[in-house]
């Protein structure tokens, strides 16, 4: 596990999550294409894009 999730660059994860949250803000749907050729469509109406980047600096209190 130390060589995978715990070794992640969480600043980069946060940057990518912010990009995704911005792209999804106000979107009506999301289509995901898989390498198998299958596709899955998600209805995003009445949903709010929220970001959880997994980054918890010492100065920020835990929530939840």
C-alpha atoms as a PDB file:
ATOM      1  CA  UNK A   1       0.000   0.000   0.000  1.00  0.00           C
ATOM      2  CA  UNK A   2       2.906   2.371   0.706  1.00  0.00           C
ATOM      3  CA  UNK A   3       3.944   2.137  -2.939  1.00  0.00           C
ATOM      4  CA  UNK A   4       0.456   2.973  -4.261  1.00  0.00           C
ATOM      5  CA  UNK A   5      -2.160   5.130  -2.509  1.00  0.00           C
ATOM      6  CA  UNK A   6       0.091   6.363   0.279  1.00  0.00           C
ATOM      7  CA  UNK A   7       2.781   7.326  -2.219  1.00  0.00           C
ATOM      8  CA  UNK A   8       0.401   9.507  -4.270  1.00  0.00           C
ATOM      9  CA  UNK A   9       1.250  13.140  -4.963  1.00  0.00           C
ATOM     10  CA  UNK A  10      -1.802  14.581  -3.214  1.00  0.00           C
ATOM     11  CA  UNK A  11      -1.178  18.083  -4.565  1.00  0.00           C
ATOM     12  CA  UNK A  12      -1.539  16.618  -8.067  1.00  0.00           C
ATOM     13  CA  UNK A  13      -4.588  14.614  -6.977  1.00  0.00           C
ATOM     14  CA  UNK A  14      -6.145  17.833  -5.600  1.00  0.00           C
ATOM     15  CA  UNK A  15      -5.342  19.690  -8.837  1.00  0.00           C
ATOM     16  CA  UNK A  16      -7.003  17.002 -10.955  1.00  0.00           C
ATOM     17  CA  UNK A  17     -10.007  16.790  -8.622  1.00  0.00           C
ATOM     18  CA  UNK A  18     -10.484  20.568  -8.910  1.00  0.00           C
ATOM     19  CA  UNK A  19     -10.427  20.282 -12.714  1.00  0.00           C
ATOM     20  CA  UNK A  20     -13.031  17.510 -12.639  1.00  0.00           C
ATOM     21  CA  UNK A  21     -15.248  19.361 -10.165  1.00  0.00           C
ATOM     22  CA  UNK A  22     -15.138  22.453 -12.381  1.00  0.00           C
ATOM     23  CA  UNK A  23     -15.917  20.432 -15.502  1.00  0.00           C
ATOM     24  CA  UNK A  24     -18.854  18.674 -13.815  1.00  0.00           C
ATOM     25  CA  UNK A  25     -20.334  21.836 -12.294  1.00  0.00           C
ATOM     26  CA  UNK A  26     -23.664  22.379 -14.014  1.00  0.00           C
ATOM     27  CA  UNK A  27     -23.358  19.259 -16.200  1.00  0.00           C
ATOM     28  CA  UNK A  28     -26.565  17.348 -16.961  1.00  0.00           C
ATOM     29  CA  UNK A  29     -24.886  13.999 -17.627  1.00  0.00           C
ATOM     30  CA  UNK A  30     -21.571  12.185 -17.745  1.00  0.00           C
ATOM     31  CA  UNK A  31     -20.661   9.388 -20.119  1.00  0.00           C
ATOM     32  CA  UNK A  32     -17.804   7.027 -19.250  1.00  0.00           C
ATOM     33  CA  UNK A  33     -16.242   4.859 -21.950  1.00  0.00           C
ATOM     34  CA  UNK A  34     -14.377   1.697 -21.012  1.00  0.00           C
ATOM     35  CA  UNK A  35     -11.587  -0.082 -22.866  1.00  0.00           C
ATOM     36  CA  UNK A  36     -14.042  -2.946 -23.489  1.00  0.00           C
ATOM     37  CA  UNK A  37     -16.174  -0.640 -25.622  1.00  0.00           C
ATOM     38  CA  UNK A  38     -18.926  -0.487 -23.010  1.00  0.00           C
ATOM     39  CA  UNK A  39     -20.358   2.883 -22.044  1.00  0.00           C
ATOM     40  CA  UNK A  40     -22.127   4.053 -18.909  1.00  0.00           C
ATOM     41  CA  UNK A  41     -24.151   7.278 -18.711  1.00  0.00           C
ATOM     42  CA  UNK A  42     -24.757   8.987 -15.361  1.00  0.00           C
ATOM     43  CA  UNK A  43     -27.628  11.430 -14.860  1.00  0.00           C
ATOM     44  CA  UNK A  44     -26.182  14.432 -13.012  1.00  0.00           C
ATOM     45  CA  UNK A  45     -29.293  16.584 -12.942  1.00  0.00           C
ATOM     46  CA  UNK A  46     -30.138  17.831  -9.458  1.00  0.00           C
ATOM     47  CA  UNK A  47     -26.630  16.879  -8.294  1.00  0.00           C
ATOM     48  CA  UNK A  48     -23.880  19.109  -6.961  1.00  0.00           C
ATOM     49  CA  UNK A  49     -20.269  18.363  -7.854  1.00  0.00           C
ATOM     50  CA  UNK A  50     -18.256  18.051  -4.635  1.00  0.00           C
ATOM     51  CA  UNK A  51     -14.552  17.484  -4.341  1.00  0.00           C
ATOM     52  CA  UNK A  52     -12.783  15.022  -2.034  1.00  0.00           C
ATOM     53  CA  UNK A  53      -9.106  14.969  -2.882  1.00  0.00           C
ATOM     54  CA  UNK A  54      -8.033  12.789   0.054  1.00  0.00           C
ATOM     55  CA  UNK A  55      -5.592  15.485   1.171  1.00  0.00           C
ATOM     56  CA  UNK A  56      -5.771  16.372   4.850  1.00  0.00           C
ATOM     57  CA  UNK A  57      -3.115  18.875   5.903  1.00  0.00           C
ATOM     58  CA  UNK A  58      -2.322  19.039   9.600  1.00  0.00           C
ATOM     59  CA  UNK A  59      -3.971  22.469   9.930  1.00  0.00           C
ATOM     60  CA  UNK A  60      -7.315  21.302   8.480  1.00  0.00           C
ATOM     61  CA  UNK A  61      -9.669  19.470  10.870  1.00  0.00           C
ATOM     62  CA  UNK A  62     -11.162  16.135   9.827  1.00  0.00           C
ATOM     63  CA  UNK A  63     -14.877  16.099   9.013  1.00  0.00           C
ATOM     64  CA  UNK A  64     -17.451  13.357   8.781  1.00  0.00           C
END
